[in-house]
C-alpha cells in the first residue's frame, strides 16, 4: 500500500489507498462521461429525431430498438435514466477527488453493480424479444461493465474502515466537501437533459421557407 492519504487527517479515522487508485478514479470518470454523452445523444434522438419519423414508416436496427415498447418508462426514454445514472457516478467520482473519503468508494459499489444488472436486462431485450441491436445502447452497456470493473479494482487496492464507521462520519464528510466542485458539473449536465425536453415545448416561430 502507498503512504496514508493526507485527507484522512481531516476525519476521525485513517485509511490507505494504493498509489494507482487516483489513476483508476480518473479512468472511471472518463468512462462515466462517455456513458453520459452516449445516453444524452440517445435522449436527443428520442426528443428531436423520432418525432419526424412517420407513424407507418418501417423501422429496423437501432430505430427498432429505441422505438420498442421497452424503450420508455412512464413516457421517459430509458436513455434519459441512463444519463442520470452516469451523472450520479460522475458526481460521486468528483466527490472522491475532492475529499478522498472511502465512504464514496463503498457507495459506488452497489450503484455500479445495479448499472450492470440493468444493462444486462436491456441487452437481453435487444437480443431476444426485439431481435435487433442498438450500437449506442451496447456502448452504454459496455461502459457500465467497465465502471463496475474499475470500482472493484479500487476496492481491492483500498484499506478502509467498516461501513457503519464510515456512515457515522457522513456529517464531517459533508462539511469538508467543496459543494461547488461536485454540484456545479451535475447541474450543468442535468440542465442539458431538461433542456432537451423543454425546447420542443417552447413557442418557437415556424421556419420560413426560401422562395
N, C-alpha and C. Protein backbone atom coordinates (compact mmCIF):
# COMPACT_ATOMS: atom_id res chain seq x y z
N UNK A 1 0.82 -1.19 0.00
CA UNK A 1 0.00 0.00 0.00
C UNK A 1 0.87 1.27 0.00
N UNK A 2 0.33 2.34 -0.55
CA UNK A 2 1.04 3.61 -0.57
C UNK A 2 0.91 4.27 0.79
N UNK A 3 1.59 5.40 0.94
CA UNK A 3 1.51 6.13 2.19
C UNK A 3 0.07 6.54 2.45
N UNK A 4 -0.26 6.68 3.72
CA UNK A 4 -1.63 7.00 4.10
C UNK A 4 -2.05 8.32 3.49
N UNK A 5 -3.29 8.37 3.04
CA UNK A 5 -3.81 9.59 2.43
C UNK A 5 -3.78 10.74 3.43
N UNK A 6 -3.29 11.90 3.00
CA UNK A 6 -3.26 13.06 3.86
C UNK A 6 -4.67 13.54 4.20
N UNK A 7 -5.63 13.25 3.30
CA UNK A 7 -7.00 13.66 3.55
C UNK A 7 -7.55 13.01 4.82
N UNK A 8 -7.05 11.86 5.16
CA UNK A 8 -7.54 11.16 6.35
C UNK A 8 -7.36 11.98 7.61
N UNK A 9 -6.42 12.92 7.63
CA UNK A 9 -6.19 13.72 8.82
C UNK A 9 -7.37 14.63 9.14
N UNK A 10 -8.23 14.89 8.18
CA UNK A 10 -9.38 15.76 8.39
C UNK A 10 -10.55 15.02 9.02
N UNK A 11 -10.45 13.70 9.13
CA UNK A 11 -11.56 12.90 9.61
C UNK A 11 -11.14 12.13 10.86
N UNK A 12 -12.08 11.33 11.39
CA UNK A 12 -11.86 10.69 12.67
C UNK A 12 -11.17 9.35 12.59
N UNK A 13 -10.69 8.95 11.43
CA UNK A 13 -10.02 7.66 11.28
C UNK A 13 -9.10 7.73 10.07
N UNK A 14 -8.31 6.69 9.90
CA UNK A 14 -7.33 6.64 8.81
C UNK A 14 -7.73 5.59 7.78
N UNK A 15 -7.19 5.74 6.59
CA UNK A 15 -7.34 4.73 5.55
C UNK A 15 -6.13 4.81 4.63
N UNK A 16 -5.98 3.83 3.80
CA UNK A 16 -4.86 3.79 2.85
C UNK A 16 -5.36 3.41 1.47
N UNK A 17 -4.80 4.05 0.46
CA UNK A 17 -5.07 3.71 -0.93
C UNK A 17 -3.77 3.34 -1.62
N UNK A 18 -3.86 2.42 -2.54
CA UNK A 18 -2.71 2.12 -3.38
C UNK A 18 -2.37 3.33 -4.24
N UNK A 19 -1.16 3.38 -4.72
CA UNK A 19 -0.70 4.56 -5.47
C UNK A 19 -1.45 4.78 -6.78
N UNK A 20 -2.11 3.73 -7.31
CA UNK A 20 -2.79 3.90 -8.60
C UNK A 20 -4.29 4.10 -8.46
N UNK A 21 -4.80 4.30 -7.24
CA UNK A 21 -6.24 4.49 -7.07
C UNK A 21 -6.71 5.79 -7.72
N UNK A 22 -5.90 6.83 -7.60
CA UNK A 22 -6.27 8.10 -8.24
C UNK A 22 -6.36 7.94 -9.76
N UNK A 23 -5.43 7.19 -10.34
CA UNK A 23 -5.49 6.94 -11.78
C UNK A 23 -6.74 6.16 -12.16
N UNK A 24 -7.07 5.15 -11.35
CA UNK A 24 -8.27 4.37 -11.62
C UNK A 24 -9.51 5.24 -11.54
N UNK A 25 -9.56 6.14 -10.58
CA UNK A 25 -10.71 7.04 -10.47
C UNK A 25 -10.75 8.01 -11.66
N UNK A 26 -9.58 8.40 -12.16
CA UNK A 26 -9.56 9.25 -13.33
C UNK A 26 -10.15 8.54 -14.55
N UNK A 27 -9.74 7.27 -14.74
CA UNK A 27 -10.30 6.48 -15.84
C UNK A 27 -11.80 6.27 -15.62
N UNK A 28 -12.19 6.02 -14.37
CA UNK A 28 -13.60 5.85 -14.02
C UNK A 28 -14.40 7.07 -14.46
N UNK A 29 -13.88 8.25 -14.16
CA UNK A 29 -14.59 9.48 -14.50
C UNK A 29 -14.72 9.64 -16.02
N UNK A 30 -13.65 9.34 -16.75
CA UNK A 30 -13.69 9.45 -18.21
C UNK A 30 -14.73 8.51 -18.80
N UNK A 31 -14.77 7.26 -18.32
CA UNK A 31 -15.74 6.29 -18.82
C UNK A 31 -17.16 6.76 -18.49
N UNK A 32 -17.36 7.31 -17.29
CA UNK A 32 -18.69 7.80 -16.91
C UNK A 32 -19.12 8.96 -17.80
N UNK A 33 -18.18 9.84 -18.14
CA UNK A 33 -18.50 10.96 -19.04
C UNK A 33 -18.88 10.44 -20.42
N UNK A 34 -18.15 9.45 -20.92
CA UNK A 34 -18.50 8.85 -22.21
C UNK A 34 -19.89 8.25 -22.15
N UNK A 35 -20.20 7.53 -21.07
CA UNK A 35 -21.53 6.96 -20.92
C UNK A 35 -22.60 8.03 -20.90
N UNK A 36 -22.32 9.15 -20.23
CA UNK A 36 -23.29 10.24 -20.19
C UNK A 36 -23.50 10.84 -21.58
N UNK A 37 -22.43 11.03 -22.32
CA UNK A 37 -22.55 11.58 -23.67
C UNK A 37 -23.37 10.67 -24.58
N UNK A 38 -23.13 9.36 -24.50
CA UNK A 38 -23.88 8.41 -25.32
C UNK A 38 -25.36 8.43 -24.94
N UNK A 39 -25.64 8.40 -23.64
CA UNK A 39 -27.04 8.41 -23.19
C UNK A 39 -27.73 9.72 -23.55
N UNK A 40 -26.99 10.83 -23.46
CA UNK A 40 -27.57 12.12 -23.83
C UNK A 40 -27.85 12.18 -25.33
N UNK A 41 -26.96 11.61 -26.15
CA UNK A 41 -27.19 11.55 -27.59
C UNK A 41 -28.45 10.75 -27.90
N UNK A 42 -28.61 9.61 -27.23
CA UNK A 42 -29.81 8.80 -27.44
C UNK A 42 -31.06 9.55 -27.00
N UNK A 43 -30.96 10.30 -25.90
CA UNK A 43 -32.09 11.12 -25.46
C UNK A 43 -32.45 12.15 -26.52
N UNK A 44 -31.43 12.80 -27.09
CA UNK A 44 -31.68 13.79 -28.14
C UNK A 44 -32.35 13.16 -29.36
N UNK A 45 -31.95 11.94 -29.70
CA UNK A 45 -32.59 11.23 -30.82
C UNK A 45 -34.06 10.99 -30.51
N UNK A 46 -34.36 10.59 -29.29
CA UNK A 46 -35.76 10.37 -28.89
C UNK A 46 -36.57 11.66 -29.02
N UNK A 47 -35.99 12.76 -28.57
CA UNK A 47 -36.75 14.01 -28.49
C UNK A 47 -36.86 14.70 -29.84
N UNK A 48 -35.78 14.73 -30.62
CA UNK A 48 -35.76 15.54 -31.83
C UNK A 48 -35.90 14.75 -33.13
N UNK A 49 -35.38 13.53 -33.16
CA UNK A 49 -35.37 12.78 -34.43
C UNK A 49 -36.58 11.86 -34.58
N UNK A 50 -36.93 11.12 -33.55
CA UNK A 50 -38.02 10.15 -33.68
C UNK A 50 -39.37 10.77 -34.04
N UNK A 51 -39.71 11.96 -33.51
CA UNK A 51 -41.00 12.55 -33.89
C UNK A 51 -41.13 12.84 -35.38
N UNK A 52 -39.99 12.95 -36.10
CA UNK A 52 -40.04 13.23 -37.53
C UNK A 52 -40.29 11.98 -38.36
N UNK A 53 -40.23 10.80 -37.75
CA UNK A 53 -40.47 9.55 -38.48
C UNK A 53 -41.97 9.31 -38.58
N UNK A 54 -42.52 9.12 -39.79
CA UNK A 54 -43.96 8.86 -39.93
C UNK A 54 -44.36 7.62 -39.15
N UNK A 55 -45.56 7.64 -38.57
CA UNK A 55 -46.01 6.50 -37.75
C UNK A 55 -46.02 5.17 -38.49
N UNK A 56 -46.29 5.22 -39.81
CA UNK A 56 -46.38 3.97 -40.56
C UNK A 56 -45.07 3.60 -41.27
N UNK A 57 -43.99 4.32 -40.99
CA UNK A 57 -42.71 4.04 -41.65
C UNK A 57 -42.11 2.76 -41.08
N UNK A 58 -41.56 1.90 -41.93
CA UNK A 58 -40.90 0.68 -41.43
C UNK A 58 -39.61 1.04 -40.71
N UNK A 59 -39.35 0.38 -39.59
CA UNK A 59 -38.14 0.65 -38.82
C UNK A 59 -37.39 -0.66 -38.59
N UNK A 60 -36.10 -0.55 -38.49
CA UNK A 60 -35.28 -1.72 -38.22
C UNK A 60 -33.98 -1.28 -37.55
N UNK A 61 -33.23 -2.24 -37.05
CA UNK A 61 -31.95 -1.93 -36.42
C UNK A 61 -32.11 -1.08 -35.18
N UNK A 62 -31.27 -0.03 -35.08
CA UNK A 62 -31.26 0.83 -33.90
C UNK A 62 -32.62 1.48 -33.66
N UNK A 63 -33.26 1.94 -34.73
CA UNK A 63 -34.54 2.61 -34.58
C UNK A 63 -35.59 1.66 -34.04
N UNK A 64 -35.53 0.41 -34.44
CA UNK A 64 -36.47 -0.58 -33.91
C UNK A 64 -36.29 -0.76 -32.41
N UNK A 65 -35.05 -0.68 -31.96
CA UNK A 65 -34.77 -0.84 -30.52
C UNK A 65 -35.30 0.35 -29.74
N UNK A 66 -34.97 1.56 -30.18
CA UNK A 66 -35.31 2.75 -29.39
C UNK A 66 -36.75 3.20 -29.58
N UNK A 67 -37.50 2.53 -30.45
CA UNK A 67 -38.94 2.81 -30.56
C UNK A 67 -39.77 1.66 -30.02
N UNK A 68 -39.14 0.65 -29.45
CA UNK A 68 -39.87 -0.50 -28.94
C UNK A 68 -40.64 -0.14 -27.68
N UNK A 69 -41.53 -1.02 -27.26
CA UNK A 69 -42.33 -0.78 -26.07
C UNK A 69 -41.48 -0.76 -24.80
N UNK A 70 -40.27 -1.31 -24.87
CA UNK A 70 -39.40 -1.36 -23.70
C UNK A 70 -38.47 -0.14 -23.60
N UNK A 71 -38.57 0.76 -24.57
CA UNK A 71 -37.63 1.88 -24.62
C UNK A 71 -38.04 3.05 -23.74
N UNK A 72 -39.20 2.95 -23.10
CA UNK A 72 -39.70 4.06 -22.28
C UNK A 72 -40.19 3.54 -20.94
N UNK A 73 -40.06 4.37 -19.93
CA UNK A 73 -40.63 4.10 -18.60
C UNK A 73 -41.44 5.34 -18.22
N UNK A 74 -42.75 5.16 -18.11
CA UNK A 74 -43.66 6.28 -17.83
C UNK A 74 -43.47 7.42 -18.85
N UNK A 75 -43.23 7.04 -20.09
CA UNK A 75 -43.09 8.03 -21.15
C UNK A 75 -41.72 8.66 -21.26
N UNK A 76 -40.81 8.32 -20.37
CA UNK A 76 -39.45 8.88 -20.40
C UNK A 76 -38.51 7.86 -21.02
N UNK A 77 -37.69 8.26 -21.98
CA UNK A 77 -36.76 7.31 -22.61
C UNK A 77 -35.81 6.70 -21.58
N UNK A 78 -35.54 5.41 -21.76
CA UNK A 78 -34.57 4.75 -20.88
C UNK A 78 -33.20 5.43 -20.95
N UNK A 79 -32.89 5.97 -22.12
CA UNK A 79 -31.60 6.66 -22.27
C UNK A 79 -31.48 7.82 -21.29
N UNK A 80 -32.58 8.47 -20.99
CA UNK A 80 -32.54 9.59 -20.04
C UNK A 80 -32.21 9.09 -18.64
N UNK A 81 -32.81 7.96 -18.26
CA UNK A 81 -32.45 7.37 -16.96
C UNK A 81 -30.98 6.97 -16.94
N UNK A 82 -30.49 6.47 -18.08
CA UNK A 82 -29.08 6.13 -18.17
C UNK A 82 -28.20 7.35 -17.98
N UNK A 83 -28.60 8.48 -18.59
CA UNK A 83 -27.81 9.71 -18.44
C UNK A 83 -27.77 10.17 -16.98
N UNK A 84 -28.89 10.04 -16.28
CA UNK A 84 -28.93 10.39 -14.86
C UNK A 84 -28.03 9.45 -14.05
N UNK A 85 -28.04 8.18 -14.41
CA UNK A 85 -27.16 7.21 -13.75
C UNK A 85 -25.69 7.62 -13.90
N UNK A 86 -25.30 7.96 -15.12
CA UNK A 86 -23.90 8.34 -15.34
C UNK A 86 -23.57 9.65 -14.64
N UNK A 87 -24.52 10.59 -14.60
CA UNK A 87 -24.29 11.83 -13.85
C UNK A 87 -24.03 11.53 -12.37
N UNK A 88 -24.76 10.54 -11.85
CA UNK A 88 -24.56 10.15 -10.45
C UNK A 88 -23.15 9.63 -10.22
N UNK A 89 -22.69 8.77 -11.12
CA UNK A 89 -21.33 8.23 -10.96
C UNK A 89 -20.28 9.33 -11.15
N UNK A 90 -20.53 10.27 -12.05
CA UNK A 90 -19.59 11.39 -12.23
C UNK A 90 -19.53 12.22 -10.96
N UNK A 91 -20.71 12.51 -10.39
CA UNK A 91 -20.74 13.31 -9.17
C UNK A 91 -20.01 12.64 -8.02
N UNK A 92 -20.19 11.34 -7.88
CA UNK A 92 -19.50 10.62 -6.80
C UNK A 92 -17.99 10.58 -7.03
N UNK A 93 -17.59 10.45 -8.29
CA UNK A 93 -16.15 10.47 -8.59
C UNK A 93 -15.55 11.84 -8.26
N UNK A 94 -16.25 12.91 -8.62
CA UNK A 94 -15.77 14.24 -8.28
C UNK A 94 -15.73 14.44 -6.77
N UNK A 95 -16.71 13.88 -6.09
CA UNK A 95 -16.73 13.97 -4.62
C UNK A 95 -15.52 13.26 -4.02
N UNK A 96 -15.17 12.12 -4.62
CA UNK A 96 -13.99 11.40 -4.11
C UNK A 96 -12.73 12.22 -4.34
N UNK A 97 -12.59 12.81 -5.52
CA UNK A 97 -11.40 13.62 -5.79
C UNK A 97 -11.31 14.80 -4.84
N UNK A 98 -12.47 15.32 -4.41
CA UNK A 98 -12.47 16.47 -3.51
C UNK A 98 -12.09 16.09 -2.08
N UNK A 99 -12.53 14.91 -1.61
CA UNK A 99 -12.33 14.54 -0.20
C UNK A 99 -11.46 13.31 0.01
N UNK A 100 -11.36 12.44 -0.99
CA UNK A 100 -10.66 11.16 -0.89
C UNK A 100 -11.29 10.24 0.18
N UNK A 101 -12.54 10.47 0.51
CA UNK A 101 -13.16 9.72 1.60
C UNK A 101 -13.57 8.33 1.14
N UNK A 102 -13.28 7.28 1.92
CA UNK A 102 -13.60 5.92 1.50
C UNK A 102 -15.09 5.59 1.48
N UNK A 103 -15.92 6.39 2.16
CA UNK A 103 -17.36 6.14 2.10
C UNK A 103 -17.86 6.21 0.67
N UNK A 104 -17.28 7.09 -0.12
CA UNK A 104 -17.69 7.24 -1.52
C UNK A 104 -17.34 5.99 -2.30
N UNK A 105 -16.21 5.40 -2.01
CA UNK A 105 -15.83 4.15 -2.67
C UNK A 105 -16.85 3.07 -2.37
N UNK A 106 -17.28 2.98 -1.10
CA UNK A 106 -18.25 1.96 -0.71
C UNK A 106 -19.62 2.21 -1.35
N UNK A 107 -20.03 3.48 -1.44
CA UNK A 107 -21.32 3.81 -2.03
C UNK A 107 -21.36 3.43 -3.51
N UNK A 108 -20.23 3.59 -4.19
CA UNK A 108 -20.18 3.31 -5.63
C UNK A 108 -20.40 1.84 -5.96
N UNK A 109 -20.10 0.95 -5.03
CA UNK A 109 -20.20 -0.48 -5.32
C UNK A 109 -21.62 -0.91 -5.70
N UNK A 110 -22.65 -0.66 -4.86
CA UNK A 110 -24.00 -1.07 -5.27
C UNK A 110 -24.52 -0.29 -6.47
N UNK A 111 -24.07 0.95 -6.63
CA UNK A 111 -24.55 1.75 -7.76
C UNK A 111 -24.03 1.18 -9.08
N UNK A 112 -22.73 0.90 -9.14
CA UNK A 112 -22.18 0.36 -10.38
C UNK A 112 -22.68 -1.07 -10.64
N UNK A 113 -22.89 -1.84 -9.56
CA UNK A 113 -23.42 -3.19 -9.74
C UNK A 113 -24.84 -3.16 -10.29
N UNK A 114 -25.66 -2.24 -9.79
CA UNK A 114 -27.03 -2.12 -10.30
C UNK A 114 -27.04 -1.69 -11.76
N UNK A 115 -26.07 -0.87 -12.15
CA UNK A 115 -25.98 -0.46 -13.55
C UNK A 115 -25.71 -1.63 -14.47
N UNK A 116 -24.85 -2.56 -14.02
CA UNK A 116 -24.55 -3.74 -14.83
C UNK A 116 -25.77 -4.65 -14.92
N UNK A 117 -26.49 -4.82 -13.80
CA UNK A 117 -27.69 -5.66 -13.82
C UNK A 117 -28.73 -5.09 -14.79
N UNK A 118 -28.96 -3.78 -14.72
CA UNK A 118 -29.93 -3.15 -15.61
C UNK A 118 -29.48 -3.28 -17.06
N UNK A 119 -28.20 -3.07 -17.32
CA UNK A 119 -27.69 -3.16 -18.69
C UNK A 119 -27.82 -4.58 -19.23
N UNK A 120 -27.57 -5.58 -18.39
CA UNK A 120 -27.71 -6.97 -18.82
C UNK A 120 -29.14 -7.26 -19.26
N UNK A 121 -30.10 -6.73 -18.52
CA UNK A 121 -31.51 -6.91 -18.89
C UNK A 121 -31.82 -6.23 -20.21
N UNK A 122 -31.30 -5.02 -20.41
CA UNK A 122 -31.57 -4.31 -21.66
C UNK A 122 -30.90 -4.99 -22.86
N UNK A 123 -29.72 -5.55 -22.64
CA UNK A 123 -29.07 -6.29 -23.73
C UNK A 123 -29.89 -7.52 -24.07
N UNK A 124 -30.42 -8.21 -23.06
CA UNK A 124 -31.28 -9.38 -23.31
C UNK A 124 -32.51 -8.97 -24.10
N UNK A 125 -33.08 -7.82 -23.80
CA UNK A 125 -34.25 -7.35 -24.55
C UNK A 125 -33.90 -7.16 -26.03
N UNK A 126 -32.73 -6.62 -26.29
CA UNK A 126 -32.32 -6.41 -27.68
C UNK A 126 -32.14 -7.74 -28.41
N UNK A 127 -31.51 -8.70 -27.74
CA UNK A 127 -31.16 -9.96 -28.39
C UNK A 127 -32.35 -10.89 -28.56
N UNK A 128 -33.31 -10.86 -27.62
CA UNK A 128 -34.38 -11.85 -27.63
C UNK A 128 -35.72 -11.27 -28.07
N UNK A 129 -36.41 -10.47 -27.25
CA UNK A 129 -37.74 -10.01 -27.68
C UNK A 129 -37.71 -9.11 -28.91
N UNK A 130 -36.74 -8.17 -28.95
CA UNK A 130 -36.70 -7.22 -30.07
C UNK A 130 -36.01 -7.83 -31.28
N UNK A 131 -34.92 -8.51 -31.07
CA UNK A 131 -34.20 -9.12 -32.18
C UNK A 131 -33.42 -8.14 -33.02
N UNK A 132 -32.98 -7.04 -32.42
CA UNK A 132 -32.19 -6.03 -33.12
C UNK A 132 -31.23 -5.41 -32.12
N UNK A 133 -30.14 -4.83 -32.65
CA UNK A 133 -29.10 -4.28 -31.81
C UNK A 133 -28.99 -2.77 -32.05
N UNK A 134 -28.87 -2.04 -30.95
CA UNK A 134 -28.58 -0.61 -31.00
C UNK A 134 -27.13 -0.41 -30.55
N UNK A 135 -26.24 -0.02 -31.47
CA UNK A 135 -24.82 0.12 -31.10
C UNK A 135 -24.59 1.08 -29.94
N UNK A 136 -25.32 2.20 -29.91
CA UNK A 136 -25.14 3.15 -28.82
C UNK A 136 -25.57 2.53 -27.49
N UNK A 137 -26.65 1.75 -27.52
CA UNK A 137 -27.11 1.08 -26.30
C UNK A 137 -26.07 0.07 -25.82
N UNK A 138 -25.46 -0.64 -26.76
CA UNK A 138 -24.44 -1.62 -26.39
C UNK A 138 -23.19 -0.92 -25.85
N UNK A 139 -22.86 0.25 -26.41
CA UNK A 139 -21.72 1.02 -25.90
C UNK A 139 -21.99 1.46 -24.46
N UNK A 140 -23.21 1.89 -24.20
CA UNK A 140 -23.57 2.27 -22.84
C UNK A 140 -23.49 1.08 -21.90
N UNK A 141 -23.97 -0.08 -22.35
CA UNK A 141 -23.90 -1.29 -21.53
C UNK A 141 -22.45 -1.64 -21.23
N UNK A 142 -21.59 -1.52 -22.23
CA UNK A 142 -20.17 -1.80 -22.01
C UNK A 142 -19.56 -0.84 -20.99
N UNK A 143 -19.99 0.42 -21.02
CA UNK A 143 -19.47 1.40 -20.08
C UNK A 143 -19.83 1.02 -18.64
N UNK A 144 -21.04 0.49 -18.43
CA UNK A 144 -21.43 0.09 -17.07
C UNK A 144 -20.56 -1.05 -16.57
N UNK A 145 -20.22 -1.98 -17.46
CA UNK A 145 -19.36 -3.10 -17.06
C UNK A 145 -17.96 -2.59 -16.69
N UNK A 146 -17.44 -1.66 -17.49
CA UNK A 146 -16.11 -1.11 -17.20
C UNK A 146 -16.13 -0.36 -15.87
N UNK A 147 -17.19 0.39 -15.61
CA UNK A 147 -17.28 1.13 -14.35
C UNK A 147 -17.27 0.17 -13.15
N UNK A 148 -18.02 -0.91 -13.24
CA UNK A 148 -18.01 -1.88 -12.15
C UNK A 148 -16.63 -2.50 -11.99
N UNK A 149 -15.99 -2.85 -13.10
CA UNK A 149 -14.65 -3.43 -13.03
C UNK A 149 -13.65 -2.48 -12.37
N UNK A 150 -13.72 -1.20 -12.73
CA UNK A 150 -12.83 -0.22 -12.12
C UNK A 150 -13.13 -0.05 -10.63
N UNK A 151 -14.41 -0.05 -10.28
CA UNK A 151 -14.79 0.06 -8.88
C UNK A 151 -14.25 -1.10 -8.05
N UNK A 152 -14.34 -2.31 -8.58
CA UNK A 152 -13.82 -3.48 -7.87
C UNK A 152 -12.29 -3.41 -7.73
N UNK A 153 -11.63 -2.89 -8.76
CA UNK A 153 -10.18 -2.72 -8.67
C UNK A 153 -9.83 -1.69 -7.60
N UNK A 154 -10.61 -0.62 -7.51
CA UNK A 154 -10.37 0.40 -6.49
C UNK A 154 -10.57 -0.18 -5.10
N UNK A 155 -11.63 -0.97 -4.93
CA UNK A 155 -11.88 -1.61 -3.64
C UNK A 155 -10.72 -2.52 -3.23
N UNK A 156 -10.22 -3.27 -4.20
CA UNK A 156 -9.13 -4.22 -3.93
C UNK A 156 -7.86 -3.50 -3.50
N UNK A 157 -7.69 -2.28 -3.97
CA UNK A 157 -6.47 -1.53 -3.68
C UNK A 157 -6.66 -0.51 -2.56
N UNK A 158 -7.71 -0.69 -1.75
CA UNK A 158 -8.01 0.25 -0.67
C UNK A 158 -8.12 -0.50 0.66
N UNK A 159 -7.61 0.13 1.69
CA UNK A 159 -7.79 -0.37 3.05
C UNK A 159 -8.62 0.67 3.81
N UNK A 160 -9.87 0.34 4.09
CA UNK A 160 -10.80 1.31 4.65
C UNK A 160 -11.53 0.73 5.86
N UNK A 161 -12.08 1.60 6.71
CA UNK A 161 -12.87 1.12 7.85
C UNK A 161 -14.16 0.45 7.38
N UNK A 162 -14.88 -0.16 8.33
CA UNK A 162 -16.15 -0.80 8.02
C UNK A 162 -17.22 0.25 7.71
N UNK A 163 -18.25 -0.19 6.98
CA UNK A 163 -19.29 0.71 6.53
C UNK A 163 -19.98 1.46 7.68
N UNK A 164 -20.36 0.82 8.80
CA UNK A 164 -21.01 1.58 9.88
C UNK A 164 -20.17 2.75 10.39
N UNK A 165 -18.86 2.54 10.49
CA UNK A 165 -17.98 3.61 10.95
C UNK A 165 -17.93 4.74 9.93
N UNK A 166 -17.92 4.38 8.66
CA UNK A 166 -17.90 5.40 7.61
C UNK A 166 -19.18 6.20 7.59
N UNK A 167 -20.32 5.53 7.76
CA UNK A 167 -21.61 6.23 7.77
C UNK A 167 -21.68 7.21 8.94
N UNK A 168 -21.09 6.84 10.05
CA UNK A 168 -21.08 7.73 11.21
C UNK A 168 -20.28 9.00 10.97
N UNK A 169 -19.45 9.00 9.94
CA UNK A 169 -18.61 10.16 9.62
C UNK A 169 -19.21 11.02 8.52
N UNK A 170 -20.47 10.74 8.14
CA UNK A 170 -21.06 11.43 6.98
C UNK A 170 -21.15 12.93 7.21
N UNK A 171 -21.53 13.35 8.42
CA UNK A 171 -21.68 14.78 8.68
C UNK A 171 -20.35 15.51 8.47
N UNK A 172 -19.27 14.90 8.96
CA UNK A 172 -17.95 15.50 8.76
C UNK A 172 -17.57 15.53 7.29
N UNK A 173 -17.87 14.45 6.60
CA UNK A 173 -17.60 14.39 5.17
C UNK A 173 -18.32 15.51 4.43
N UNK A 174 -19.60 15.70 4.75
CA UNK A 174 -20.38 16.75 4.09
C UNK A 174 -19.80 18.13 4.37
N UNK A 175 -19.40 18.37 5.62
CA UNK A 175 -18.85 19.68 5.98
C UNK A 175 -17.51 19.94 5.30
N UNK A 176 -16.78 18.89 5.01
CA UNK A 176 -15.46 19.03 4.39
C UNK A 176 -15.53 19.07 2.86
N UNK A 177 -16.74 18.96 2.31
CA UNK A 177 -16.91 18.89 0.86
C UNK A 177 -17.00 20.28 0.25
N UNK A 178 -16.29 20.50 -0.82
CA UNK A 178 -16.45 21.71 -1.64
C UNK A 178 -17.63 21.47 -2.57
N UNK A 179 -18.81 21.90 -2.16
CA UNK A 179 -20.04 21.56 -2.88
C UNK A 179 -20.03 22.06 -4.32
N UNK A 180 -19.39 23.19 -4.56
CA UNK A 180 -19.37 23.74 -5.92
C UNK A 180 -18.66 22.79 -6.89
N UNK A 181 -17.59 22.15 -6.41
CA UNK A 181 -16.84 21.22 -7.26
C UNK A 181 -17.71 20.04 -7.67
N UNK A 182 -18.57 19.58 -6.77
CA UNK A 182 -19.37 18.40 -7.02
C UNK A 182 -20.68 18.74 -7.72
N UNK A 183 -21.36 19.78 -7.24
CA UNK A 183 -22.73 20.04 -7.70
C UNK A 183 -22.78 20.79 -9.02
N UNK A 184 -21.89 21.75 -9.24
CA UNK A 184 -21.98 22.56 -10.46
C UNK A 184 -21.93 21.73 -11.74
N UNK A 185 -20.96 20.79 -11.89
CA UNK A 185 -20.98 19.96 -13.11
C UNK A 185 -22.26 19.15 -13.25
N UNK A 186 -22.81 18.68 -12.12
CA UNK A 186 -24.04 17.90 -12.19
C UNK A 186 -25.21 18.76 -12.64
N UNK A 187 -25.27 20.00 -12.16
CA UNK A 187 -26.35 20.89 -12.57
C UNK A 187 -26.28 21.21 -14.05
N UNK A 188 -25.06 21.37 -14.56
CA UNK A 188 -24.89 21.63 -16.00
C UNK A 188 -25.39 20.43 -16.81
N UNK A 189 -25.00 19.22 -16.39
CA UNK A 189 -25.45 18.02 -17.10
C UNK A 189 -26.96 17.84 -17.01
N UNK A 190 -27.51 18.07 -15.82
CA UNK A 190 -28.96 17.91 -15.64
C UNK A 190 -29.72 18.96 -16.42
N UNK A 191 -29.22 20.19 -16.45
CA UNK A 191 -29.88 21.24 -17.22
C UNK A 191 -29.87 20.91 -18.71
N UNK A 192 -28.80 20.29 -19.19
CA UNK A 192 -28.75 19.89 -20.60
C UNK A 192 -29.84 18.88 -20.93
N UNK A 193 -30.04 17.92 -20.03
CA UNK A 193 -31.09 16.92 -20.25
C UNK A 193 -32.47 17.54 -20.21
N UNK A 194 -32.72 18.37 -19.20
CA UNK A 194 -34.03 19.01 -19.09
C UNK A 194 -34.30 19.90 -20.30
N UNK A 195 -33.26 20.59 -20.76
CA UNK A 195 -33.42 21.47 -21.91
C UNK A 195 -33.88 20.75 -23.15
N UNK A 196 -33.45 19.50 -23.32
CA UNK A 196 -33.89 18.73 -24.49
C UNK A 196 -35.41 18.55 -24.51
N UNK A 197 -35.99 18.37 -23.34
CA UNK A 197 -37.44 18.17 -23.27
C UNK A 197 -38.21 19.49 -23.30
N UNK A 198 -37.57 20.57 -22.86
CA UNK A 198 -38.24 21.86 -22.81
C UNK A 198 -38.28 22.53 -24.17
N UNK A 199 -37.20 22.41 -24.95
CA UNK A 199 -37.11 23.11 -26.25
C UNK A 199 -38.30 22.81 -27.16
N UNK A 200 -38.72 21.54 -27.33
CA UNK A 200 -39.86 21.30 -28.22
C UNK A 200 -41.18 21.90 -27.72
N UNK A 201 -41.25 22.27 -26.45
CA UNK A 201 -42.47 22.84 -25.89
C UNK A 201 -42.53 24.36 -26.02
N UNK A 202 -41.41 24.97 -26.38
CA UNK A 202 -41.37 26.43 -26.49
C UNK A 202 -42.12 26.91 -27.73
N UNK A 203 -42.75 28.07 -27.63
CA UNK A 203 -43.48 28.63 -28.80
C UNK A 203 -42.52 29.26 -29.80
N UNK A 204 -41.69 28.45 -30.41
CA UNK A 204 -40.72 28.96 -31.36
C UNK A 204 -41.39 29.26 -32.70
N UNK A 205 -40.91 30.24 -33.43
CA UNK A 205 -41.51 30.56 -34.74
C UNK A 205 -41.28 29.45 -35.74
N UNK A 206 -42.21 29.28 -36.64
CA UNK A 206 -42.07 28.29 -37.69
C UNK A 206 -40.96 28.69 -38.65
N UNK A 207 -40.22 27.74 -39.20
CA UNK A 207 -39.17 28.10 -40.17
C UNK A 207 -39.77 28.71 -41.42
N UNK A 208 -39.10 29.76 -41.93
CA UNK A 208 -39.57 30.44 -43.13
C UNK A 208 -38.90 29.80 -44.34
N UNK A 209 -39.69 29.22 -45.28
CA UNK A 209 -39.09 28.56 -46.45
C UNK A 209 -38.49 29.59 -47.41
N UNK A 210 -37.39 29.20 -48.06
CA UNK A 210 -36.80 30.06 -49.07
C UNK A 210 -37.65 30.02 -50.34
N UNK A 211 -37.81 31.15 -50.96
CA UNK A 211 -38.62 31.21 -52.18
C UNK A 211 -37.75 30.84 -53.39
